[in-house]
Amino acid sequence: MDLDSAFAALGDPVRRSLVARLAHGDATVGELAAPFDLTSQAISHHVGVLRRCGLVEQRREGTRRPCRLRTDQLALLSTWIDDQRRTWADRLDALEQHLTDEGADR
Protein backbone atom coordinates (compact mmCIF):
# COMPACT_ATOMS: atom_id res chain seq x y z
CA MET A 1 0.00 0.00 0.00
CA ASP A 2 1.15 3.51 -0.80
CA LEU A 3 0.86 5.46 2.47
CA ASP A 4 0.72 8.79 0.65
CA SER A 5 -2.31 7.82 -1.44
CA ALA A 6 -4.05 6.22 1.55
CA PHE A 7 -3.59 9.29 3.74
CA ALA A 8 -4.60 11.56 0.84
CA ALA A 9 -7.75 9.48 0.34
CA LEU A 10 -8.58 9.76 4.03
CA GLY A 11 -8.13 13.52 3.84
CA ASP A 12 -11.63 13.76 2.39
CA PRO A 13 -14.47 13.75 4.96
CA VAL A 14 -16.82 11.75 2.70
CA ARG A 15 -14.21 9.02 2.28
CA ARG A 16 -13.56 8.95 6.04
CA SER A 17 -17.32 8.53 6.55
CA LEU A 18 -17.38 5.69 4.03
CA VAL A 19 -14.52 3.96 5.83
CA ALA A 20 -16.33 4.42 9.16
CA ARG A 21 -19.52 2.94 7.67
CA LEU A 22 -17.65 -0.01 6.14
CA ALA A 23 -16.04 -0.70 9.52
CA HIS A 24 -19.51 -1.92 10.54
CA GLY A 25 -19.85 -4.30 7.60
CA ASP A 26 -19.99 -4.62 3.84
CA ALA A 27 -22.26 -2.33 1.84
CA THR A 28 -23.12 -1.58 -1.76
CA VAL A 29 -22.57 1.84 -3.30
CA GLY A 30 -26.31 2.46 -3.05
CA GLU A 31 -26.28 1.63 0.65
CA LEU A 32 -23.22 3.82 1.17
CA ALA A 33 -24.88 6.71 -0.67
CA ALA A 34 -28.07 6.64 1.43
CA PRO A 35 -27.00 9.01 4.26
CA PHE A 36 -25.37 11.51 1.89
CA ASP A 37 -26.83 14.23 -0.27
CA LEU A 38 -24.66 12.89 -3.11
CA THR A 39 -25.38 10.86 -6.20
CA SER A 40 -24.43 7.20 -6.46
CA GLN A 41 -21.94 8.33 -9.12
CA ALA A 42 -20.21 10.63 -6.63
CA ILE A 43 -20.07 7.85 -4.03
CA SER A 44 -18.74 5.47 -6.69
CA HIS A 45 -15.96 7.97 -7.36
CA HIS A 46 -15.05 8.07 -3.65
CA VAL A 47 -15.17 4.27 -3.43
CA GLY A 48 -12.88 4.14 -6.48
CA VAL A 49 -10.34 6.36 -4.74
CA LEU A 50 -10.47 4.10 -1.68
CA ARG A 51 -10.12 1.02 -3.90
CA ARG A 52 -7.11 2.39 -5.78
CA CYS A 53 -5.22 3.10 -2.56
CA GLY A 54 -6.06 -0.36 -1.21
CA LEU A 55 -8.40 0.52 1.64
CA VAL A 56 -11.55 -0.93 0.06
CA GLU A 57 -12.26 -3.86 -2.22
CA GLN A 58 -15.37 -4.71 -4.22
CA ARG A 59 -16.59 -8.12 -5.26
CA ARG A 60 -19.42 -9.46 -7.37
CA GLU A 61 -22.31 -11.32 -5.78
CA GLY A 62 -24.74 -11.85 -8.63
CA THR A 63 -25.91 -8.36 -9.52
CA ARG A 64 -24.63 -6.86 -6.26
CA ARG A 65 -21.15 -5.39 -5.84
CA PRO A 66 -20.60 -5.02 -2.11
CA CYS A 67 -17.64 -3.02 -0.83
CA ARG A 68 -15.49 -4.33 1.99
CA LEU A 69 -13.03 -2.46 4.16
CA ARG A 70 -9.48 -3.84 4.01
CA THR A 71 -8.75 -3.81 7.72
CA ASP A 72 -5.30 -5.29 7.07
CA GLN A 73 -4.43 -2.13 5.15
CA LEU A 74 -5.84 0.08 7.91
CA ALA A 75 -3.62 -1.82 10.32
CA LEU A 76 -0.58 -0.79 8.24
CA LEU A 77 -1.62 2.86 8.58
CA SER A 78 -2.15 2.40 12.29
CA THR A 79 1.30 0.81 12.67
CA TRP A 80 2.92 3.74 10.87
CA ILE A 81 1.07 6.23 13.09
CA ASP A 82 2.05 4.30 16.24
CA ASP A 83 5.70 4.25 15.14
CA GLN A 84 5.61 8.01 14.59
CA ARG A 85 3.92 8.57 17.95
CA ARG A 86 6.61 6.54 19.75
CA THR A 87 9.41 8.32 17.91
CA TRP A 88 8.08 11.75 18.80
CA ALA A 89 7.29 10.78 22.37
CA ASP A 90 10.89 9.59 22.77
CA ARG A 91 12.21 12.81 21.24
CA LEU A 92 10.05 14.97 23.46
CA ASP A 93 11.07 12.96 26.53
CA ALA A 94 14.74 13.48 25.59
CA LEU A 95 14.13 17.20 25.10
CA GLU A 96 12.38 17.44 28.46
CA GLN A 97 15.27 15.64 30.14
CA HIS A 98 17.78 17.93 28.42
CA LEU A 99 15.90 21.03 29.54
CA THR A 100 15.63 19.67 33.08
CA ASP A 101 19.38 18.94 33.14
CA GLU A 102 20.17 22.39 31.75
CA GLY A 103 17.97 24.01 34.38
CA ALA A 104 19.67 22.06 37.18
CA ASP A 105 23.10 23.23 35.96
CA ARG A 106 22.17 26.88 36.37
C-alpha atoms as a PDB file:
ATOM      1  CA  MET A   1       0.000   0.000   0.000  1.00  0.00           C
ATOM      2  CA  ASP A   2       1.150   3.508  -0.795  1.00  0.00           C
ATOM      3  CA  LEU A   3       0.857   5.456   2.468  1.00  0.00           C
ATOM      4  CA  ASP A   4       0.721   8.790   0.647  1.00  0.00           C
ATOM      5  CA  SER A   5      -2.309   7.823  -1.438  1.00  0.00           C
ATOM      6  CA  ALA A   6      -4.045   6.222   1.553  1.00  0.00           C
ATOM      7  CA  PHE A   7      -3.587   9.291   3.743  1.00  0.00           C
ATOM      8  CA  ALA A   8      -4.599  11.556   0.835  1.00  0.00           C
ATOM      9  CA  ALA A   9      -7.749   9.480   0.342  1.00  0.00           C
ATOM     10  CA  LEU A  10      -8.576   9.759   4.034  1.00  0.00           C
ATOM     11  CA  GLY A  11      -8.134  13.522   3.843  1.00  0.00           C
ATOM     12  CA  ASP A  12     -11.631  13.759   2.394  1.00  0.00           C
ATOM     13  CA  PRO A  13     -14.471  13.753   4.961  1.00  0.00           C
ATOM     14  CA  VAL A  14     -16.820  11.751   2.704  1.00  0.00           C
ATOM     15  CA  ARG A  15     -14.214   9.017   2.283  1.00  0.00           C
ATOM     16  CA  ARG A  16     -13.565   8.952   6.036  1.00  0.00           C
ATOM     17  CA  SER A  17     -17.317   8.531   6.547  1.00  0.00           C
ATOM     18  CA  LEU A  18     -17.383   5.689   4.027  1.00  0.00           C
ATOM     19  CA  VAL A  19     -14.517   3.958   5.827  1.00  0.00           C
ATOM     20  CA  ALA A  20     -16.326   4.424   9.157  1.00  0.00           C
ATOM     21  CA  ARG A  21     -19.517   2.943   7.667  1.00  0.00           C
ATOM     22  CA  LEU A  22     -17.651  -0.005   6.140  1.00  0.00           C
ATOM     23  CA  ALA A  23     -16.040  -0.701   9.516  1.00  0.00           C
ATOM     24  CA  HIS A  24     -19.511  -1.917  10.545  1.00  0.00           C
ATOM     25  CA  GLY A  25     -19.851  -4.299   7.599  1.00  0.00           C
ATOM     26  CA  ASP A  26     -19.987  -4.624   3.843  1.00  0.00           C
ATOM     27  CA  ALA A  27     -22.257  -2.333   1.838  1.00  0.00           C
ATOM     28  CA  THR A  28     -23.121  -1.582  -1.762  1.00  0.00           C
ATOM     29  CA  VAL A  29     -22.566   1.837  -3.301  1.00  0.00           C
ATOM     30  CA  GLY A  30     -26.310   2.464  -3.054  1.00  0.00           C
ATOM     31  CA  GLU A  31     -26.282   1.633   0.649  1.00  0.00           C
ATOM     32  CA  LEU A  32     -23.216   3.817   1.173  1.00  0.00           C
ATOM     33  CA  ALA A  33     -24.884   6.708  -0.673  1.00  0.00           C
ATOM     34  CA  ALA A  34     -28.074   6.640   1.434  1.00  0.00           C
ATOM     35  CA  PRO A  35     -27.002   9.006   4.256  1.00  0.00           C
ATOM     36  CA  PHE A  36     -25.367  11.508   1.892  1.00  0.00           C
ATOM     37  CA  ASP A  37     -26.829  14.226  -0.273  1.00  0.00           C
ATOM     38  CA  LEU A  38     -24.661  12.888  -3.113  1.00  0.00           C
ATOM     39  CA  THR A  39     -25.382  10.858  -6.202  1.00  0.00           C
ATOM     40  CA  SER A  40     -24.426   7.205  -6.464  1.00  0.00           C
ATOM     41  CA  GLN A  41     -21.939   8.326  -9.120  1.00  0.00           C
ATOM     42  CA  ALA A  42     -20.209  10.626  -6.632  1.00  0.00           C
ATOM     43  CA  ILE A  43     -20.075   7.851  -4.027  1.00  0.00           C
ATOM     44  CA  SER A  44     -18.737   5.469  -6.694  1.00  0.00           C
ATOM     45  CA  HIS A  45     -15.956   7.967  -7.362  1.00  0.00           C
ATOM     46  CA  HIS A  46     -15.048   8.070  -3.654  1.00  0.00           C
ATOM     47  CA  VAL A  47     -15.173   4.267  -3.432  1.00  0.00           C
ATOM     48  CA  GLY A  48     -12.879   4.136  -6.480  1.00  0.00           C
ATOM     49  CA  VAL A  49     -10.337   6.355  -4.742  1.00  0.00           C
ATOM     50  CA  LEU A  50     -10.466   4.101  -1.676  1.00  0.00           C
ATOM     51  CA  ARG A  51     -10.121   1.018  -3.897  1.00  0.00           C
ATOM     52  CA  ARG A  52      -7.114   2.393  -5.778  1.00  0.00           C
ATOM     53  CA  CYS A  53      -5.223   3.098  -2.565  1.00  0.00           C
ATOM     54  CA  GLY A  54      -6.056  -0.363  -1.214  1.00  0.00           C
ATOM     55  CA  LEU A  55      -8.396   0.518   1.644  1.00  0.00           C
ATOM     56  CA  VAL A  56     -11.550  -0.934   0.065  1.00  0.00           C
ATOM     57  CA  GLU A  57     -12.260  -3.856  -2.224  1.00  0.00           C
ATOM     58  CA  GLN A  58     -15.375  -4.705  -4.220  1.00  0.00           C
ATOM     59  CA  ARG A  59     -16.587  -8.117  -5.262  1.00  0.00           C
ATOM     60  CA  ARG A  60     -19.422  -9.465  -7.366  1.00  0.00           C
ATOM     61  CA  GLU A  61     -22.312 -11.322  -5.778  1.00  0.00           C
ATOM     62  CA  GLY A  62     -24.736 -11.847  -8.627  1.00  0.00           C
ATOM     63  CA  THR A  63     -25.910  -8.356  -9.517  1.00  0.00           C
ATOM     64  CA  ARG A  64     -24.631  -6.860  -6.261  1.00  0.00           C
ATOM     65  CA  ARG A  65     -21.148  -5.393  -5.844  1.00  0.00           C
ATOM     66  CA  PRO A  66     -20.601  -5.015  -2.114  1.00  0.00           C
ATOM     67  CA  CYS A  67     -17.644  -3.021  -0.833  1.00  0.00           C
ATOM     68  CA  ARG A  68     -15.493  -4.326   1.989  1.00  0.00           C
ATOM     69  CA  LEU A  69     -13.029  -2.458   4.159  1.00  0.00           C
ATOM     70  CA  ARG A  70      -9.485  -3.836   4.007  1.00  0.00           C
ATOM     71  CA  THR A  71      -8.752  -3.813   7.720  1.00  0.00           C
ATOM     72  CA  ASP A  72      -5.301  -5.290   7.072  1.00  0.00           C
ATOM     73  CA  GLN A  73      -4.430  -2.130   5.147  1.00  0.00           C
ATOM     74  CA  LEU A  74      -5.838   0.075   7.907  1.00  0.00           C
ATOM     75  CA  ALA A  75      -3.616  -1.824  10.325  1.00  0.00           C
ATOM     76  CA  LEU A  76      -0.583  -0.788   8.242  1.00  0.00           C
ATOM     77  CA  LEU A  77      -1.619   2.855   8.579  1.00  0.00           C
ATOM     78  CA  SER A  78      -2.146   2.399  12.293  1.00  0.00           C
ATOM     79  CA  THR A  79       1.298   0.810  12.672  1.00  0.00           C
ATOM     80  CA  TRP A  80       2.919   3.740  10.868  1.00  0.00           C
ATOM     81  CA  ILE A  81       1.069   6.230  13.090  1.00  0.00           C
ATOM     82  CA  ASP A  82       2.046   4.304  16.242  1.00  0.00           C
ATOM     83  CA  ASP A  83       5.703   4.251  15.145  1.00  0.00           C
ATOM     84  CA  GLN A  84       5.611   8.010  14.595  1.00  0.00           C
ATOM     85  CA  ARG A  85       3.918   8.575  17.952  1.00  0.00           C
ATOM     86  CA  ARG A  86       6.608   6.537  19.750  1.00  0.00           C
ATOM     87  CA  THR A  87       9.414   8.319  17.907  1.00  0.00           C
ATOM     88  CA  TRP A  88       8.079  11.752  18.797  1.00  0.00           C
ATOM     89  CA  ALA A  89       7.293  10.776  22.374  1.00  0.00           C
ATOM     90  CA  ASP A  90      10.893   9.592  22.772  1.00  0.00           C
ATOM     91  CA  ARG A  91      12.215  12.813  21.242  1.00  0.00           C
ATOM     92  CA  LEU A  92      10.047  14.967  23.459  1.00  0.00           C
ATOM     93  CA  ASP A  93      11.075  12.962  26.525  1.00  0.00           C
ATOM     94  CA  ALA A  94      14.738  13.477  25.593  1.00  0.00           C
ATOM     95  CA  LEU A  95      14.134  17.203  25.098  1.00  0.00           C
ATOM     96  CA  GLU A  96      12.380  17.441  28.460  1.00  0.00           C
ATOM     97  CA  GLN A  97      15.274  15.640  30.139  1.00  0.00           C
ATOM     98  CA  HIS A  98      17.781  17.930  28.421  1.00  0.00           C
ATOM     99  CA  LEU A  99      15.900  21.028  29.536  1.00  0.00           C
ATOM    100  CA  THR A 100      15.632  19.671  33.083  1.00  0.00           C
ATOM    101  CA  ASP A 101      19.377  18.945  33.139  1.00  0.00           C
ATOM    102  CA  GLU A 102      20.173  22.392  31.747  1.00  0.00           C
ATOM    103  CA  GLY A 103      17.969  24.012  34.385  1.00  0.00           C
ATOM    104  CA  ALA A 104      19.668  22.063  37.181  1.00  0.00           C
ATOM    105  CA  ASP A 105      23.104  23.231  35.962  1.00  0.00           C
ATOM    106  CA  ARG A 106      22.175  26.880  36.370  1.00  0.00           C
END
